[in-house]
Amino acid sequence: MAGGLIQAWAWRHRRAEAPGNARSHTGTDTMLKILGWAILIIFIIGLLVVTGILKLIF
């Protein structure tokens, strides 16, 4: 019984520290910003291509 309580306490404190989570969170933010800019640029290029094709058709 006491061993289980000590183990549960240790697991809680290991999860509370987790310095690696802070680093991965900033990496995720940076990755999302880059992904957002990439999607925006692809959308603008696609829009220019579509309007260019529409101009050629009409």
C-alpha atoms as a PDB file:
ATOM      1  CA  MET A   1       0.000   0.000   0.000  1.00  0.00           C
ATOM      2  CA  ALA A   2       2.670   2.510   0.991  1.00  0.00           C
ATOM      3  CA  GLY A   3       4.739   1.611  -2.076  1.00  0.00           C
ATOM      4  CA  GLY A   4       1.818   2.509  -4.347  1.00  0.00           C
ATOM      5  CA  LEU A   5       1.377   5.887  -2.649  1.00  0.00           C
ATOM      6  CA  ILE A   6       5.068   6.704  -3.009  1.00  0.00           C
ATOM      7  CA  GLN A   7       5.000   5.674  -6.679  1.00  0.00           C
ATOM      8  CA  ALA A   8       1.902   7.810  -7.358  1.00  0.00           C
ATOM      9  CA  TRP A   9       3.559  10.787  -5.647  1.00  0.00           C
ATOM     10  CA  ALA A  10       6.723  10.300  -7.728  1.00  0.00           C
ATOM     11  CA  TRP A  11       4.754  10.138 -10.996  1.00  0.00           C
ATOM     12  CA  ARG A  12       2.875  13.339 -10.152  1.00  0.00           C
ATOM     13  CA  HIS A  13       6.071  15.222  -9.435  1.00  0.00           C
ATOM     14  CA  ARG A  14       7.802  13.929 -12.549  1.00  0.00           C
ATOM     15  CA  ARG A  15       4.932  15.211 -14.685  1.00  0.00           C
ATOM     16  CA  ALA A  16       4.917  18.569 -12.859  1.00  0.00           C
ATOM     17  CA  GLU A  17       8.603  19.253 -13.603  1.00  0.00           C
ATOM     18  CA  ALA A  18       8.806  18.285 -17.313  1.00  0.00           C
ATOM     19  CA  PRO A  19      11.235  20.945 -18.579  1.00  0.00           C
ATOM     20  CA  GLY A  20      11.126  19.308 -22.019  1.00  0.00           C
ATOM     21  CA  ASN A  21       7.489  20.312 -22.481  1.00  0.00           C
ATOM     22  CA  ALA A  22       8.327  24.020 -22.391  1.00  0.00           C
ATOM     23  CA  ARG A  23      10.886  23.628 -25.167  1.00  0.00           C
ATOM     24  CA  SER A  24       8.588  21.568 -27.379  1.00  0.00           C
ATOM     25  CA  HIS A  25       5.822  24.150 -26.875  1.00  0.00           C
ATOM     26  CA  THR A  26       7.965  26.953 -28.285  1.00  0.00           C
ATOM     27  CA  GLY A  27       9.030  24.676 -31.139  1.00  0.00           C
ATOM     28  CA  THR A  28       5.398  23.943 -31.889  1.00  0.00           C
ATOM     29  CA  ASP A  29       4.561  27.664 -31.944  1.00  0.00           C
ATOM     30  CA  THR A  30       7.387  28.340 -34.376  1.00  0.00           C
ATOM     31  CA  MET A  31       6.347  25.430 -36.561  1.00  0.00           C
ATOM     32  CA  LEU A  32       2.733  26.635 -36.627  1.00  0.00           C
ATOM     33  CA  LYS A  33       3.833  30.141 -37.636  1.00  0.00           C
ATOM     34  CA  ILE A  34       5.947  28.761 -40.483  1.00  0.00           C
ATOM     35  CA  LEU A  35       3.102  26.476 -41.566  1.00  0.00           C
ATOM     36  CA  GLY A  36       0.646  29.383 -41.493  1.00  0.00           C
ATOM     37  CA  TRP A  37       2.905  31.557 -43.648  1.00  0.00           C
ATOM     38  CA  ALA A  38       3.479  28.668 -46.071  1.00  0.00           C
ATOM     39  CA  ILE A  39      -0.272  28.084 -46.433  1.00  0.00           C
ATOM     40  CA  LEU A  40      -0.860  31.811 -46.950  1.00  0.00           C
ATOM     41  CA  ILE A  41       1.815  32.033 -49.652  1.00  0.00           C
ATOM     42  CA  ILE A  42       0.506  28.918 -51.415  1.00  0.00           C
ATOM     43  CA  PHE A  43      -3.025  30.342 -51.289  1.00  0.00           C
ATOM     44  CA  ILE A  44      -1.914  33.665 -52.796  1.00  0.00           C
ATOM     45  CA  ILE A  45       0.055  31.911 -55.556  1.00  0.00           C
ATOM     46  CA  GLY A  46      -2.932  29.680 -56.261  1.00  0.00           C
ATOM     47  CA  LEU A  47      -5.213  32.697 -56.415  1.00  0.00           C
ATOM     48  CA  LEU A  48      -2.889  34.417 -58.882  1.00  0.00           C
ATOM     49  CA  VAL A  49      -2.737  31.273 -61.033  1.00  0.00           C
ATOM     50  CA  VAL A  50      -6.516  30.859 -61.034  1.00  0.00           C
ATOM     51  CA  THR A  51      -7.159  34.499 -61.911  1.00  0.00           C
ATOM     52  CA  GLY A  52      -4.492  34.281 -64.630  1.00  0.00           C
ATOM     53  CA  ILE A  53      -6.199  31.237 -66.133  1.00  0.00           C
ATOM     54  CA  LEU A  54      -9.589  32.963 -65.923  1.00  0.00           C
ATOM     55  CA  LYS A  55      -8.142  35.955 -67.772  1.00  0.00           C
ATOM     56  CA  LEU A  56      -6.848  33.651 -70.509  1.00  0.00           C
ATOM     57  CA  ILE A  57     -10.237  31.926 -70.838  1.00  0.00           C
ATOM     58  CA  PHE A  58     -12.354  35.086 -70.916  1.00  0.00           C
END
